[in-house]
Amino acid sequence: MKRTRNVHTTAEHILVAPGCKMALSLAMMALIEPGDEVLFPDPSFPIYPSFARGLGAKAVPYGLEEKNRFQPDVDEIARKIHAAYDHADLQFAE
């Protein structure tokens, strides 16, 4: 991790899972409660909104547009958080 991503970590902080979908599912199950609002980028992996809804949360998309080089618009995300009265509990960033 240090050599390829410049991330300093130890083995105790690494989760090995049989695929990305399983790792995302485990993280979402650990963090999302029914009624939570989950921000996710659009376009993105289809599992984000479907799994959030499956856990009883509200899936709230934010756009990734070509004009922004497909990077998140921080102002749009802030508006969505404020519109939800700061109830967004989990955000995915790619």
Protein backbone atom coordinates (compact mmCIF):
# COMPACT_ATOMS: atom_id res chain seq x y z
CA MET A 1 0.00 0.00 0.00
CA LYS A 2 2.81 2.40 0.83
CA ARG A 3 4.70 1.75 -2.40
CA THR A 4 1.73 1.80 -4.80
CA ARG A 5 -0.74 4.18 -3.11
CA ASN A 6 1.41 6.11 -0.62
CA VAL A 7 -0.90 4.89 2.16
CA HIS A 8 0.73 4.04 5.47
CA THR A 9 -1.15 1.19 7.17
CA THR A 10 -0.70 -2.07 9.04
CA ALA A 11 -2.14 -5.53 8.50
CA GLU A 12 -4.68 -4.93 11.28
CA HIS A 13 -6.32 -2.22 9.16
CA ILE A 14 -6.71 -4.23 5.96
CA LEU A 15 -9.80 -6.25 5.03
CA VAL A 16 -9.43 -8.93 2.40
CA ALA A 17 -12.72 -9.85 0.75
CA PRO A 18 -13.70 -12.11 -2.15
CA GLY A 19 -14.41 -9.24 -4.50
CA CYS A 20 -15.39 -5.58 -4.47
CA LYS A 21 -19.13 -6.24 -4.19
CA MET A 22 -18.66 -8.24 -0.98
CA ALA A 23 -16.39 -5.60 0.55
CA LEU A 24 -18.87 -2.82 -0.31
CA SER A 25 -21.77 -4.86 1.04
CA LEU A 26 -20.01 -5.51 4.34
CA ALA A 27 -19.12 -1.83 4.77
CA MET A 28 -22.65 -0.71 3.91
CA MET A 29 -24.23 -3.23 6.29
CA ALA A 30 -21.96 -2.01 9.07
CA LEU A 31 -22.67 1.69 8.54
CA ILE A 32 -26.20 2.15 7.16
CA GLU A 33 -29.31 2.20 9.33
CA PRO A 34 -32.92 2.26 8.10
CA GLY A 35 -33.91 5.85 7.33
CA ASP A 36 -30.33 7.04 6.65
CA GLU A 37 -29.55 8.98 3.50
CA VAL A 38 -26.64 7.74 1.42
CA LEU A 39 -25.00 10.00 -1.16
CA PHE A 40 -23.59 8.21 -4.19
CA PRO A 41 -22.04 9.37 -7.47
CA ASP A 42 -24.05 9.05 -10.69
CA PRO A 43 -22.86 7.37 -12.85
CA SER A 44 -21.45 4.74 -10.52
CA PHE A 45 -21.76 1.10 -9.53
CA PRO A 46 -25.43 -0.02 -9.57
CA ILE A 47 -24.94 -1.66 -6.17
CA TYR A 48 -24.73 1.70 -4.35
CA PRO A 49 -28.38 2.80 -4.67
CA SER A 50 -29.88 -0.69 -4.77
CA PHE A 51 -28.07 -1.92 -1.68
CA ALA A 52 -28.76 1.32 0.21
CA ARG A 53 -32.48 0.96 -0.52
CA GLY A 54 -32.31 -2.72 0.45
CA LEU A 55 -31.01 -1.64 3.86
CA GLY A 56 -33.92 0.78 4.28
CA ALA A 57 -31.94 3.92 3.44
CA LYS A 58 -32.70 6.65 0.92
CA ALA A 59 -30.26 6.71 -2.00
CA VAL A 60 -29.37 10.29 -3.01
CA PRO A 61 -27.37 10.69 -6.25
CA TYR A 62 -24.95 13.48 -7.10
CA GLY A 63 -23.75 14.04 -10.64
CA LEU A 64 -20.39 13.29 -12.17
CA GLU A 65 -20.30 15.40 -15.30
CA GLU A 66 -17.86 15.57 -18.18
CA LYS A 67 -17.57 19.36 -17.79
CA ASN A 68 -16.05 18.67 -14.33
CA ARG A 69 -13.86 15.86 -15.68
CA PHE A 70 -16.21 13.44 -13.90
CA GLN A 71 -15.09 14.74 -10.52
CA PRO A 72 -17.63 15.40 -7.73
CA ASP A 73 -19.08 18.91 -7.55
CA VAL A 74 -18.51 19.80 -3.89
CA ASP A 75 -21.18 22.53 -4.01
CA GLU A 76 -23.79 20.07 -5.31
CA ILE A 77 -22.93 17.59 -2.56
CA ALA A 78 -23.11 20.35 0.08
CA ARG A 79 -26.56 21.39 -1.20
CA LYS A 80 -27.80 17.82 -0.98
CA ILE A 81 -26.44 17.41 2.53
CA HIS A 82 -27.99 20.68 3.68
CA ALA A 83 -31.27 19.77 1.98
CA ALA A 84 -31.32 16.58 4.02
CA TYR A 85 -30.65 18.54 7.25
CA ASP A 86 -27.23 16.93 7.61
CA HIS A 87 -28.70 13.41 7.69
CA ALA A 88 -26.42 11.98 5.00
CA ASP A 89 -24.52 9.29 6.84
CA LEU A 90 -22.39 7.68 4.17
CA GLN A 91 -20.91 8.98 0.93
CA PHE A 92 -19.10 7.02 -1.73
CA ALA A 93 -16.32 8.66 -3.65
CA GLU A 94 -14.58 6.97 -6.52
